[in-house]
């Protein structure tokens, strides 16, 4: 069972890399926003599973670590997306006397 699970993990990594490498640069920001939303749902599921009471200390520790890393990923993804979208905003025009309008 462990070998099958590892094989699925490796194949999923290869498929994910192949799919993401084919995405044009102009679509990276919308793709990142979409995956952040999906990952937020995954985090909610992890919190529900943790709240329902999993058996075993190791399972709980791994679940808490996964939730922490997932939270870091979602927050970082939204910060990067916000910064990328900020590059397309117009800068405020300056007044002739050198002060901001």
C-alpha atoms as a PDB file:
ATOM      1  CA  UNK A   1       0.000   0.000   0.000  1.00  0.00           C
ATOM      2  CA  UNK A   2       2.865   2.383   0.791  1.00  0.00           C
ATOM      3  CA  UNK A   3       4.490   1.789  -2.611  1.00  0.00           C
ATOM      4  CA  UNK A   4       1.194   2.484  -4.391  1.00  0.00           C
ATOM      5  CA  UNK A   5       0.678   5.693  -2.420  1.00  0.00           C
ATOM      6  CA  UNK A   6       4.222   6.872  -3.202  1.00  0.00           C
ATOM      7  CA  UNK A   7       3.739   6.024  -6.887  1.00  0.00           C
ATOM      8  CA  UNK A   8       0.535   8.102  -6.973  1.00  0.00           C
ATOM      9  CA  UNK A   9       2.333  10.989  -5.249  1.00  0.00           C
ATOM     10  CA  UNK A  10       5.204  10.932  -7.763  1.00  0.00           C
ATOM     11  CA  UNK A  11       2.851  10.674 -10.750  1.00  0.00           C
ATOM     12  CA  UNK A  12       0.701  13.529  -9.411  1.00  0.00           C
ATOM     13  CA  UNK A  13       3.852  15.639  -9.078  1.00  0.00           C
ATOM     14  CA  UNK A  14       4.844  14.954 -12.685  1.00  0.00           C
ATOM     15  CA  UNK A  15       1.343  15.671 -13.986  1.00  0.00           C
ATOM     16  CA  UNK A  16       1.128  18.885 -11.933  1.00  0.00           C
ATOM     17  CA  UNK A  17       4.491  20.062 -13.253  1.00  0.00           C
ATOM     18  CA  UNK A  18       3.501  19.267 -16.833  1.00  0.00           C
ATOM     19  CA  UNK A  19       0.209  21.132 -16.519  1.00  0.00           C
ATOM     20  CA  UNK A  20       1.654  24.219 -14.801  1.00  0.00           C
ATOM     21  CA  UNK A  21       4.593  24.492 -17.190  1.00  0.00           C
ATOM     22  CA  UNK A  22       2.157  24.792 -20.124  1.00  0.00           C
ATOM     23  CA  UNK A  23       0.336  27.809 -18.599  1.00  0.00           C
ATOM     24  CA  UNK A  24       1.224  31.128 -20.260  1.00  0.00           C
ATOM     25  CA  UNK A  25       2.648  33.868 -18.034  1.00  0.00           C
ATOM     26  CA  UNK A  26      -0.454  36.034 -18.419  1.00  0.00           C
ATOM     27  CA  UNK A  27      -2.604  33.381 -16.727  1.00  0.00           C
ATOM     28  CA  UNK A  28      -0.435  32.755 -13.655  1.00  0.00           C
ATOM     29  CA  UNK A  29      -2.180  35.334 -11.437  1.00  0.00           C
ATOM     30  CA  UNK A  30      -5.743  34.055 -12.091  1.00  0.00           C
ATOM     31  CA  UNK A  31      -4.513  30.466 -11.750  1.00  0.00           C
ATOM     32  CA  UNK A  32      -2.867  31.292  -8.416  1.00  0.00           C
ATOM     33  CA  UNK A  33      -6.064  32.938  -7.158  1.00  0.00           C
ATOM     34  CA  UNK A  34      -8.094  29.892  -8.131  1.00  0.00           C
ATOM     35  CA  UNK A  35      -5.739  27.446  -6.473  1.00  0.00           C
ATOM     36  CA  UNK A  36      -5.709  29.585  -3.319  1.00  0.00           C
ATOM     37  CA  UNK A  37      -9.485  29.332  -3.147  1.00  0.00           C
ATOM     38  CA  UNK A  38      -9.336  25.552  -3.607  1.00  0.00           C
ATOM     39  CA  UNK A  39      -6.607  25.265  -0.981  1.00  0.00           C
ATOM     40  CA  UNK A  40      -8.769  27.278   1.413  1.00  0.00           C
ATOM     41  CA  UNK A  41     -11.440  24.588   1.047  1.00  0.00           C
ATOM     42  CA  UNK A  42      -8.808  21.921   1.744  1.00  0.00           C
ATOM     43  CA  UNK A  43      -7.795  23.792   4.915  1.00  0.00           C
ATOM     44  CA  UNK A  44     -11.415  23.918   6.046  1.00  0.00           C
ATOM     45  CA  UNK A  45     -11.665  20.158   5.508  1.00  0.00           C
ATOM     46  CA  UNK A  46      -8.498  19.624   7.556  1.00  0.00           C
ATOM     47  CA  UNK A  47      -9.918  21.687  10.397  1.00  0.00           C
ATOM     48  CA  UNK A  48     -13.156  19.707  10.298  1.00  0.00           C
ATOM     49  CA  UNK A  49     -11.275  16.390  10.384  1.00  0.00           C
ATOM     50  CA  UNK A  50      -9.182  17.637  13.307  1.00  0.00           C
ATOM     51  CA  UNK A  51     -12.321  18.796  15.114  1.00  0.00           C
ATOM     52  CA  UNK A  52     -14.090  15.474  14.649  1.00  0.00           C
ATOM     53  CA  UNK A  53     -11.340  13.758  16.576  1.00  0.00           C
ATOM     54  CA  UNK A  54      -8.817  11.647  14.750  1.00  0.00           C
ATOM     55  CA  UNK A  55      -7.302   8.659  16.461  1.00  0.00           C
ATOM     56  CA  UNK A  56      -3.639   8.628  17.372  1.00  0.00           C
ATOM     57  CA  UNK A  57      -1.276  11.373  18.393  1.00  0.00           C
ATOM     58  CA  UNK A  58       0.831  11.056  15.225  1.00  0.00           C
ATOM     59  CA  UNK A  59      -2.235  11.617  13.029  1.00  0.00           C
ATOM     60  CA  UNK A  60      -3.149  14.754  14.971  1.00  0.00           C
ATOM     61  CA  UNK A  61       0.398  16.123  14.834  1.00  0.00           C
ATOM     62  CA  UNK A  62       0.663  15.518  11.084  1.00  0.00           C
ATOM     63  CA  UNK A  63      -2.740  17.114  10.539  1.00  0.00           C
ATOM     64  CA  UNK A  64      -1.766  20.222  12.532  1.00  0.00           C
ATOM     65  CA  UNK A  65       1.504  20.502  10.572  1.00  0.00           C
ATOM     66  CA  UNK A  66      -0.388  20.142   7.275  1.00  0.00           C
ATOM     67  CA  UNK A  67      -2.885  22.820   8.328  1.00  0.00           C
ATOM     68  CA  UNK A  68      -0.045  25.177   9.321  1.00  0.00           C
ATOM     69  CA  UNK A  69       1.792  24.714   6.005  1.00  0.00           C
ATOM     70  CA  UNK A  70      -1.448  25.052   4.073  1.00  0.00           C
ATOM     71  CA  UNK A  71      -2.265  28.285   5.888  1.00  0.00           C
ATOM     72  CA  UNK A  72       1.179  29.677   5.075  1.00  0.00           C
ATOM     73  CA  UNK A  73       0.638  28.710   1.427  1.00  0.00           C
ATOM     74  CA  UNK A  74      -2.779  30.373   1.199  1.00  0.00           C
ATOM     75  CA  UNK A  75      -1.719  33.593   2.928  1.00  0.00           C
ATOM     76  CA  UNK A  76       1.484  33.826   0.899  1.00  0.00           C
ATOM     77  CA  UNK A  77      -0.399  33.130  -2.317  1.00  0.00           C
ATOM     78  CA  UNK A  78      -2.911  35.880  -1.647  1.00  0.00           C
ATOM     79  CA  UNK A  79      -0.110  38.329  -0.770  1.00  0.00           C
ATOM     80  CA  UNK A  80       1.733  37.522  -3.997  1.00  0.00           C
ATOM     81  CA  UNK A  81      -1.495  37.802  -6.006  1.00  0.00           C
ATOM     82  CA  UNK A  82      -2.297  41.164  -4.415  1.00  0.00           C
ATOM     83  CA  UNK A  83       1.189  42.460  -5.170  1.00  0.00           C
ATOM     84  CA  UNK A  84       1.020  41.258  -8.778  1.00  0.00           C
ATOM     85  CA  UNK A  85      -2.381  42.880  -9.299  1.00  0.00           C
ATOM     86  CA  UNK A  86      -1.052  46.073  -7.675  1.00  0.00           C
ATOM     87  CA  UNK A  87       1.435  46.405 -10.508  1.00  0.00           C
ATOM     88  CA  UNK A  88      -1.466  47.061 -12.896  1.00  0.00           C
ATOM     89  CA  UNK A  89      -2.996  49.901 -10.849  1.00  0.00           C
ATOM     90  CA  UNK A  90      -2.430  53.433 -12.035  1.00  0.00           C
ATOM     91  CA  UNK A  91      -0.088  55.572 -10.000  1.00  0.00           C
ATOM     92  CA  UNK A  92      -1.595  58.782  -8.564  1.00  0.00           C
ATOM     93  CA  UNK A  93      -0.683  61.879 -10.555  1.00  0.00           C
ATOM     94  CA  UNK A  94       1.586  64.419  -8.865  1.00  0.00           C
ATOM     95  CA  UNK A  95       0.695  68.093  -8.639  1.00  0.00           C
ATOM     96  CA  UNK A  96       2.898  70.678 -10.351  1.00  0.00           C
ATOM     97  CA  UNK A  97       4.308  71.946  -7.034  1.00  0.00           C
ATOM     98  CA  UNK A  98       5.758  68.515  -6.236  1.00  0.00           C
ATOM     99  CA  UNK A  99       3.186  67.424  -3.657  1.00  0.00           C
ATOM    100  CA  UNK A 100       0.870  64.508  -4.101  1.00  0.00           C
ATOM    101  CA  UNK A 101      -2.546  65.366  -5.498  1.00  0.00           C
END
